[in-house]
C-alpha atoms as a PDB file:
ATOM      1  CA  MET A   1      18.551  -3.077 -12.073  1.00  0.00           C
ATOM      2  CA  GLN A   2      19.001  -3.253  -8.348  1.00  0.00           C
ATOM      3  CA  ASN A   3      21.529  -5.593  -6.896  1.00  0.00           C
ATOM      4  CA  LEU A   4      20.761  -8.425  -4.521  1.00  0.00           C
ATOM      5  CA  ARG A   5      21.640  -6.332  -1.446  1.00  0.00           C
ATOM      6  CA  HIS A   6      19.019  -3.694  -2.332  1.00  0.00           C
ATOM      7  CA  ILE A   7      16.396  -6.356  -2.844  1.00  0.00           C
ATOM      8  CA  ARG A   8      17.200  -8.018   0.466  1.00  0.00           C
ATOM      9  CA  VAL A   9      17.167  -4.695   2.354  1.00  0.00           C
ATOM     10  CA  ARG A  10      13.811  -3.755   0.784  1.00  0.00           C
ATOM     11  CA  GLU A  11      12.259  -7.062   1.803  1.00  0.00           C
ATOM     12  CA  LEU A  12      13.753  -6.884   5.306  1.00  0.00           C
ATOM     13  CA  LEU A  13      12.396  -3.372   5.835  1.00  0.00           C
ATOM     14  CA  LYS A  14       8.985  -4.340   4.479  1.00  0.00           C
ATOM     15  CA  ARG A  15       8.737  -7.381   6.759  1.00  0.00           C
ATOM     16  CA  GLU A  16       9.888  -5.556   9.898  1.00  0.00           C
ATOM     17  CA  LEU A  17       7.747  -2.477   9.273  1.00  0.00           C
ATOM     18  CA  ASN A  18       4.672  -4.656   8.800  1.00  0.00           C
ATOM     19  CA  GLU A  19       5.456  -6.314  12.128  1.00  0.00           C
ATOM     20  CA  ILE A  20       5.819  -2.895  13.823  1.00  0.00           C
ATOM     21  CA  PHE A  21       2.502  -1.750  12.322  1.00  0.00           C
ATOM     22  CA  ARG A  22       0.811  -4.929  13.502  1.00  0.00           C
ATOM     23  CA  ARG A  23       2.037  -4.365  17.065  1.00  0.00           C
ATOM     24  CA  GLU A  24       1.663  -0.596  17.338  1.00  0.00           C
ATOM     25  CA  PHE A  25      -1.518   0.382  15.540  1.00  0.00           C
ATOM     26  CA  PRO A  26      -4.907  -0.459  17.031  1.00  0.00           C
ATOM     27  CA  VAL A  27      -7.451  -2.469  15.104  1.00  0.00           C
ATOM     28  CA  GLU A  28      -9.783   0.545  15.141  1.00  0.00           C
ATOM     29  CA  LEU A  29      -7.526   2.166  12.520  1.00  0.00           C
ATOM     30  CA  GLY A  30      -8.002  -0.834  10.260  1.00  0.00           C
ATOM     31  CA  ILE A  31      -5.252  -3.011   8.916  1.00  0.00           C
ATOM     32  CA  VAL A  32      -2.275  -0.803   8.130  1.00  0.00           C
ATOM     33  CA  SER A  33       0.400  -2.430   6.009  1.00  0.00           C
ATOM     34  CA  VAL A  34       3.452  -1.721   3.890  1.00  0.00           C
ATOM     35  CA  SER A  35       2.801  -2.527   0.253  1.00  0.00           C
ATOM     36  CA  GLU A  36       6.242  -1.577  -1.072  1.00  0.00           C
ATOM     37  CA  VAL A  37       9.574  -0.131   0.050  1.00  0.00           C
ATOM     38  CA  GLY A  38      11.985   1.683  -2.218  1.00  0.00           C
ATOM     39  CA  VAL A  39      15.526   2.303  -1.007  1.00  0.00           C
ATOM     40  CA  SER A  40      18.054   4.815  -2.294  1.00  0.00           C
ATOM     41  CA  ASN A  41      21.297   3.646  -3.884  1.00  0.00           C
ATOM     42  CA  ASP A  42      23.300   4.468  -0.745  1.00  0.00           C
ATOM     43  CA  LEU A  43      20.657   2.826   1.515  1.00  0.00           C
ATOM     44  CA  HIS A  44      20.396   6.022   3.607  1.00  0.00           C
ATOM     45  CA  SER A  45      16.755   6.681   2.798  1.00  0.00           C
ATOM     46  CA  ALA A  46      13.683   4.647   2.009  1.00  0.00           C
ATOM     47  CA  LYS A  47      10.262   5.491   0.635  1.00  0.00           C
ATOM     48  CA  VAL A  48       7.607   3.383   2.369  1.00  0.00           C
ATOM     49  CA  PHE A  49       4.270   2.932   0.593  1.00  0.00           C
ATOM     50  CA  VAL A  50       1.565   2.452   3.214  1.00  0.00           C
ATOM     51  CA  SER A  51      -1.920   1.122   2.557  1.00  0.00           C
ATOM     52  CA  SER A  52      -4.901   0.436   4.753  1.00  0.00           C
ATOM     53  CA  ILE A  53      -8.311  -1.107   4.438  1.00  0.00           C
ATOM     54  CA  GLY A  54     -11.408   1.053   4.656  1.00  0.00           C
ATOM     55  CA  ASP A  55     -13.076   4.024   3.055  1.00  0.00           C
ATOM     56  CA  ASP A  56     -11.160   7.199   2.186  1.00  0.00           C
ATOM     57  CA  LYS A  57     -11.779   8.759   5.587  1.00  0.00           C
ATOM     58  CA  ALA A  58     -10.483   5.683   7.436  1.00  0.00           C
ATOM     59  CA  GLN A  59      -7.449   5.475   5.158  1.00  0.00           C
ATOM     60  CA  GLN A  60      -6.618   9.140   5.778  1.00  0.00           C
ATOM     61  CA  ARG A  61      -6.966   8.639   9.539  1.00  0.00           C
ATOM     62  CA  ALA A  62      -4.655   5.607   9.450  1.00  0.00           C
ATOM     63  CA  PHE A  63      -2.081   7.431   7.332  1.00  0.00           C
ATOM     64  CA  ARG A  64      -2.114  10.421   9.705  1.00  0.00           C
ATOM     65  CA  ALA A  65      -1.435   8.026  12.597  1.00  0.00           C
ATOM     66  CA  VAL A  66       1.521   6.558  10.704  1.00  0.00           C
ATOM     67  CA  ARG A  67       2.956  10.001   9.934  1.00  0.00           C
ATOM     68  CA  LYS A  68       2.459  11.067  13.554  1.00  0.00           C
ATOM     69  CA  SER A  69       4.347   7.970  14.768  1.00  0.00           C
ATOM     70  CA  ALA A  70       7.117   8.214  12.149  1.00  0.00           C
ATOM     71  CA  SER A  71       9.945   8.931  14.591  1.00  0.00           C
ATOM     72  CA  LYS A  72       8.845   6.126  16.913  1.00  0.00           C
ATOM     73  CA  ILE A  73       8.640   3.720  13.953  1.00  0.00           C
ATOM     74  CA  GLN A  74      12.094   4.885  12.785  1.00  0.00           C
ATOM     75  CA  PHE A  75      13.552   4.239  16.256  1.00  0.00           C
ATOM     76  CA  GLN A  76      11.977   0.786  16.585  1.00  0.00           C
ATOM     77  CA  LEU A  77      13.200  -0.190  13.134  1.00  0.00           C
ATOM     78  CA  GLY A  78      16.725   0.893  14.115  1.00  0.00           C
ATOM     79  CA  GLN A  79      16.551  -1.390  17.158  1.00  0.00           C
ATOM     80  CA  ILE A  80      15.439  -4.401  15.099  1.00  0.00           C
ATOM     81  CA  VAL A  81      17.382  -4.115  11.853  1.00  0.00           C
ATOM     82  CA  ALA A  82      21.125  -4.699  11.871  1.00  0.00           C
ATOM     83  CA  LEU A  83      22.371  -2.309   9.185  1.00  0.00           C
ATOM     84  CA  ARG A  84      25.216   0.177   9.315  1.00  0.00           C
ATOM     85  CA  TYR A  85      22.692   2.957   8.725  1.00  0.00           C
ATOM     86  CA  THR A  86      19.018   2.720   9.416  1.00  0.00           C
ATOM     87  CA  PRO A  87      17.413   4.310   6.363  1.00  0.00           C
ATOM     88  CA  LYS A  88      15.541   7.560   6.941  1.00  0.00           C
ATOM     89  CA  LEU A  89      11.926   6.646   6.276  1.00  0.00           C
ATOM     90  CA  LYS A  90       9.527   8.706   4.195  1.00  0.00           C
ATOM     91  CA  PHE A  91       5.946   7.459   4.371  1.00  0.00           C
ATOM     92  CA  VAL A  92       3.738   7.767   1.285  1.00  0.00           C
ATOM     93  CA  MET A  93       0.118   6.728   0.984  1.00  0.00           C
ATOM     94  CA  ASP A  94      -0.188   3.938  -1.574  1.00  0.00           C
ATOM     95  CA  GLU A  95      -2.963   4.870  -3.992  1.00  0.00           C
ATOM     96  CA  ALA A  96      -2.555   1.823  -6.265  1.00  0.00           C
ATOM     97  CA  ARG A  97      -5.400  -0.099  -4.656  1.00  0.00           C
ATOM     98  CA  ASN A  98      -7.756   2.869  -4.898  1.00  0.00           C
ATOM     99  CA  ARG A  99      -6.844   3.382  -8.562  1.00  0.00           C
ATOM    100  CA  GLY A 100      -7.447  -0.308  -9.237  1.00  0.00           C
ATOM    101  CA  ASP A 101     -10.856  -0.159  -7.565  1.00  0.00           C
ATOM    102  CA  ARG A 102     -11.742   2.919  -9.632  1.00  0.00           C
ATOM    103  CA  VAL A 103     -10.721   1.167 -12.878  1.00  0.00           C
ATOM    104  CA  LEU A 104     -12.927  -1.811 -11.999  1.00  0.00           C
ATOM    105  CA  GLN A 105     -15.810   0.532 -11.228  1.00  0.00           C
ATOM    106  CA  ILE A 106     -15.419   2.272 -14.607  1.00  0.00           C
ATOM    107  CA  LEU A 107     -15.309  -1.077 -16.416  1.00  0.00           C
ATOM    108  CA  ASP A 108     -18.516  -2.144 -14.658  1.00  0.00           C
ATOM    109  CA  GLU A 109     -20.193   1.118 -15.673  1.00  0.00           C
ATOM    110  CA  ILE A 110     -19.118   0.630 -19.308  1.00  0.00           C
ATOM    111  CA  GLU A 111     -20.400  -2.945 -19.280  1.00  0.00           C
ATOM    112  CA  GLN A 112     -23.756  -1.882 -17.857  1.00  0.00           C
ATOM    113  CA  GLY A 113     -24.009   0.931 -20.400  1.00  0.00           C
ATOM    114  CA  SER A 114     -23.364  -1.407 -23.325  1.00  0.00           C
ATOM    115  CA  GLN A 115     -26.003  -3.850 -22.060  1.00  0.00           C
ATOM    116  CA  GLN A 116     -28.564  -1.034 -21.905  1.00  0.00           C
ATOM    117  CA  ASP A 117     -27.638   0.223 -25.385  1.00  0.00           C
ATOM    118  CA  ASN A 118     -27.949  -3.210 -27.057  1.00  0.00           C
ATOM    119  CA  PRO A 119     -30.661  -5.236 -25.302  1.00  0.00           C
ATOM    120  CA  ASP A 120     -31.377  -7.305 -28.472  1.00  0.00           C
ATOM    121  CA  GLU A 121     -27.743  -8.428 -28.737  1.00  0.00           C
ATOM    122  CA  ASN A 122     -27.773  -9.637 -25.137  1.00  0.00           C
ATOM    123  CA  ASP A 123     -30.949 -11.669 -25.763  1.00  0.00           C
ATOM    124  CA  GLN A 124     -29.455 -13.275 -28.875  1.00  0.00           C
ATOM    125  CA  ILE A 125     -26.271 -14.219 -27.006  1.00  0.00           C
ATOM    126  CA  GLU A 126     -28.216 -15.725 -24.111  1.00  0.00           C
ATOM    127  CA  ASN A 127     -30.487 -17.768 -26.447  1.00  0.00           C
ATOM    128  CA  HIS A 128     -27.558 -19.417 -28.278  1.00  0.00           C
END
């Protein structure tokens, strides 16, 4: 279990990085945000999970822009955050939302398939 300091640093980094993304990235890229930050035990490095809204192509474009601006983001974060060491940031595309959307799509397909397989059951349920 992480101690309170780790939790506070994670939340601070998440909040400040979201503010940097809001200021630095144009609306044309979509909304780019930090969904989670994981910090190492020594607080020297952090893994930043980045997500964006849009189709796969738009998400890839936004993530490339983040990776291209990584050193600038790192510098700005160092100016804002008062820590002994500014963690070295590693940006990772957050796929959790895409996986969740895919699961919902599969569930919808299963539901539609079961309705087509048992049309009499559906009629009986609706009549009662």
